[in-house]
Amino acid sequence: GKNIDIFAPTSNGWPTCMRVNPILNWSYSDIWNFIRALSLPYPILYDQGYTSLGNMHNTQPNPHLTVTTDGGKTTYKPAYTLENGDWERDGRM
């Protein structure tokens, strides 16, 4: 999305209209604050440490959300606790 503007015409081959991307400039934390403030539903995988969902073969929990319990078991914090939005895709291979 780095080459997309807030207002952008449709791509070639699509019906002509103007696309509006109102949250394009929101940060990772802005989006999660909005979702949680309104109690909007989202896929449960985000509560299991996933921050960017691709497919079964290239997606894993984000390593920045890893927690090791006293018993040595690895778990993950929810996606909305990610401290740096630049790390969002670090769970993708």
Protein backbone atom coordinates (compact mmCIF):
# COMPACT_ATOMS: atom_id res chain seq x y z
CA GLY A 1 0.00 0.00 0.00
CA LYS A 2 2.94 2.41 -0.04
CA ASN A 3 2.11 3.56 -3.59
CA ILE A 4 -1.60 4.10 -2.95
CA ASP A 5 -3.11 7.54 -2.36
CA ILE A 6 -6.13 8.41 -0.22
CA PHE A 7 -8.01 9.07 -3.47
CA ALA A 8 -7.11 6.75 -6.36
CA PRO A 9 -8.87 5.85 -9.61
CA THR A 10 -9.57 2.19 -10.24
CA SER A 11 -7.00 0.10 -12.08
CA ASN A 12 -7.21 -0.69 -15.79
CA GLY A 13 -9.83 -3.35 -16.52
CA TRP A 14 -12.11 -2.31 -13.63
CA PRO A 15 -15.19 -0.08 -13.91
CA THR A 16 -14.17 3.57 -13.71
CA CYS A 17 -14.67 5.13 -10.29
CA MET A 18 -12.69 6.86 -7.57
CA ARG A 19 -11.50 4.70 -4.68
CA VAL A 20 -11.38 6.34 -1.28
CA ASN A 21 -8.98 4.91 1.30
CA PRO A 22 -9.87 6.88 4.47
CA ILE A 23 -7.64 4.97 6.90
CA LEU A 24 -4.62 4.66 4.62
CA ASN A 25 -2.44 6.82 6.86
CA TRP A 26 -3.44 5.12 10.11
CA SER A 27 -0.72 3.35 12.04
CA TYR A 28 -0.85 -0.25 13.18
CA SER A 29 -1.76 0.89 16.70
CA ASP A 30 -4.40 3.35 15.37
CA ILE A 31 -6.18 0.46 13.68
CA TRP A 32 -6.09 -1.76 16.77
CA ASN A 33 -7.25 1.10 19.01
CA PHE A 34 -10.21 1.67 16.69
CA ILE A 35 -11.13 -2.04 16.51
CA ARG A 36 -10.91 -2.49 20.28
CA ALA A 37 -12.66 0.79 21.17
CA LEU A 38 -15.70 -0.27 19.15
CA SER A 39 -15.45 -3.96 20.14
CA LEU A 40 -15.40 -4.93 16.46
CA PRO A 41 -15.03 -8.64 15.67
CA TYR A 42 -11.77 -9.86 14.16
CA PRO A 43 -10.24 -13.29 13.41
CA ILE A 44 -9.19 -15.16 16.57
CA LEU A 45 -5.74 -15.79 15.09
CA TYR A 46 -4.83 -12.22 16.06
CA ASP A 47 -5.32 -13.22 19.71
CA GLN A 48 -2.88 -16.10 19.17
CA GLY A 49 0.07 -13.91 18.15
CA TYR A 50 -0.51 -13.59 14.42
CA THR A 51 -0.14 -10.04 13.09
CA SER A 52 -0.22 -10.55 9.32
CA LEU A 53 -2.26 -13.32 7.78
CA GLY A 54 -1.21 -14.91 4.51
CA ASN A 55 -1.78 -18.60 3.96
CA MET A 56 -1.10 -21.77 5.96
CA HIS A 57 2.36 -22.13 4.43
CA ASN A 58 3.79 -18.62 4.94
CA THR A 59 2.19 -17.42 8.18
CA GLN A 60 3.29 -18.00 11.75
CA PRO A 61 2.87 -16.13 15.04
CA ASN A 62 4.94 -12.98 15.25
CA PRO A 63 8.24 -13.66 17.08
CA HIS A 64 8.04 -10.24 18.79
CA LEU A 65 4.98 -11.48 20.69
CA THR A 66 6.63 -14.60 22.10
CA VAL A 67 6.20 -15.34 25.80
CA THR A 68 7.86 -18.25 27.57
CA THR A 69 6.04 -19.48 30.66
CA ASP A 70 7.81 -20.55 33.85
CA GLY A 71 7.26 -24.13 32.68
CA GLY A 72 9.12 -23.44 29.42
CA LYS A 73 6.02 -23.42 27.20
CA THR A 74 6.00 -20.87 24.38
CA THR A 75 2.85 -18.79 23.96
CA TYR A 76 2.12 -15.51 22.20
CA LYS A 77 0.61 -12.19 23.24
CA PRO A 78 -2.28 -10.79 21.14
CA ALA A 79 -1.50 -8.82 17.98
CA TYR A 80 -2.75 -5.55 19.48
CA THR A 81 0.15 -5.64 21.97
CA LEU A 82 2.83 -5.44 19.26
CA GLU A 83 5.09 -2.57 20.29
CA ASN A 84 6.32 -1.53 16.84
CA GLY A 85 4.04 -1.50 13.80
CA ASP A 86 7.08 -1.97 11.54
CA TRP A 87 7.22 -5.55 12.88
CA GLU A 88 3.72 -6.42 11.64
CA ARG A 89 4.88 -8.78 8.87
CA ASP A 90 7.68 -10.42 10.86
CA GLY A 91 5.52 -13.55 11.21
CA ARG A 92 5.47 -14.07 7.43
CA MET A 93 8.02 -16.28 5.65
